[in-house]
Protein backbone atom coordinates (compact mmCIF):
# COMPACT_ATOMS: atom_id res chain seq x y z
CA MET A 1 -0.05 -0.02 0.06
CA PRO A 2 1.44 3.34 -0.93
CA ASN A 3 2.10 5.67 2.04
CA THR A 4 2.71 9.13 0.42
CA LYS A 5 0.53 11.17 -1.85
CA SER A 6 2.81 10.93 -4.63
CA ALA A 7 3.03 7.22 -4.34
CA ILE A 8 -0.75 6.98 -4.56
CA LYS A 9 -0.73 9.18 -7.68
CA ARG A 10 2.09 6.92 -9.12
CA THR A 11 0.08 3.73 -8.78
CA ARG A 12 -2.96 5.35 -10.16
CA ASN A 13 -0.91 6.39 -13.16
CA THR A 14 0.64 2.99 -13.53
CA GLU A 15 -2.79 1.27 -13.49
CA ARG A 16 -4.00 3.59 -16.16
CA LYS A 17 -0.86 2.81 -18.31
CA GLN A 18 -1.19 -0.90 -17.77
CA LYS A 19 -4.67 -0.80 -19.25
CA VAL A 20 -3.56 1.04 -22.29
CA ASN A 21 -0.42 -1.33 -22.83
CA ARG A 22 -2.67 -4.41 -22.30
CA ALA A 23 -5.10 -3.24 -25.01
CA ILE A 24 -2.29 -2.54 -27.45
CA LYS A 25 -0.65 -5.83 -26.98
CA SER A 26 -4.00 -7.64 -27.21
CA ARG A 27 -4.70 -5.86 -30.53
CA ILE A 28 -1.26 -6.91 -31.77
CA GLY A 29 -2.02 -10.47 -30.81
CA THR A 30 -5.35 -10.46 -32.50
CA LEU A 31 -3.80 -8.97 -35.71
CA GLU A 32 -0.98 -11.56 -35.75
CA ARG A 33 -3.34 -14.46 -35.25
CA THR A 34 -5.49 -13.28 -38.27
CA PHE A 35 -2.40 -12.99 -40.43
CA LYS A 36 -1.14 -16.44 -39.45
CA ASP A 37 -4.57 -17.90 -40.25
CA LEU A 38 -4.48 -16.32 -43.64
CA VAL A 39 -1.17 -17.69 -44.22
CA LYS A 40 -2.34 -21.23 -43.31
CA GLU A 41 -5.23 -20.88 -45.76
CA GLY A 42 -2.99 -19.58 -48.62
CA LYS A 43 -4.57 -16.32 -49.19
CA LYS A 44 -1.75 -14.35 -50.35
CA GLU A 45 -3.35 -10.97 -51.05
CA GLU A 46 -5.21 -10.76 -47.78
CA ALA A 47 -2.10 -11.93 -46.00
CA THR A 48 0.18 -9.30 -47.42
CA THR A 49 -2.50 -6.46 -46.18
CA ALA A 50 -2.72 -8.22 -42.83
CA LEU A 51 1.14 -8.12 -42.70
CA ARG A 52 1.11 -4.46 -43.35
CA ASP A 53 -1.34 -3.87 -40.44
CA VAL A 54 0.54 -6.14 -38.13
CA ALA A 55 3.89 -4.29 -38.95
CA SER A 56 2.25 -0.99 -38.30
CA ALA A 57 0.93 -2.00 -35.05
CA TYR A 58 4.27 -3.28 -34.00
CA ASP A 59 5.96 -0.07 -34.95
CA LYS A 60 3.38 2.05 -33.16
CA ALA A 61 3.82 -0.13 -29.97
CA ALA A 62 7.54 0.33 -30.22
CA LYS A 63 7.32 3.99 -30.68
CA LYS A 64 5.05 4.39 -27.63
CA GLY A 65 7.39 2.09 -25.49
CA VAL A 66 5.05 -0.80 -25.07
CA LEU A 67 7.47 -3.17 -26.74
CA HIS A 68 11.19 -2.91 -27.37
CA ARG A 69 12.17 -1.76 -30.72
CA ASN A 70 14.29 -4.84 -31.39
CA LYS A 71 11.47 -7.15 -30.37
CA ALA A 72 9.17 -5.48 -32.71
CA ASN A 73 11.62 -5.73 -35.57
CA ASN A 74 12.28 -9.46 -34.94
CA LYS A 75 8.63 -10.20 -34.86
CA LYS A 76 8.05 -8.21 -38.22
CA SER A 77 11.01 -10.15 -39.77
CA ARG A 78 9.69 -13.56 -38.78
CA LEU A 79 6.26 -12.68 -39.97
CA SER A 80 7.43 -11.43 -43.33
CA LYS A 81 9.45 -14.63 -43.80
CA LEU A 82 6.13 -16.57 -43.30
CA ALA A 83 4.54 -14.27 -45.98
CA ASN A 84 7.43 -14.83 -48.43
CA GLY A 85 6.88 -18.51 -47.99
CA LEU A 86 3.51 -18.16 -49.67
CA SER A 87 4.80 -17.24 -53.14
């Protein structure tokens, strides 16, 4: 339990940021799952547009500090390898 007024404010702020970060990560997971499903089904055109959306979401998350920049780049690289396997 926080004792000082500033610690109370800090926990309130942290909880607010956690909700935002969780929402962003959840959205990325959903986008990635739909992309992988499209790859499994062999739908190349839809998969490339989904890859663009996933890569954009990873970039935005890295920019906001939700994910580390290198982790976002590694994920984008692996997903693009999956997309390149469709051709």
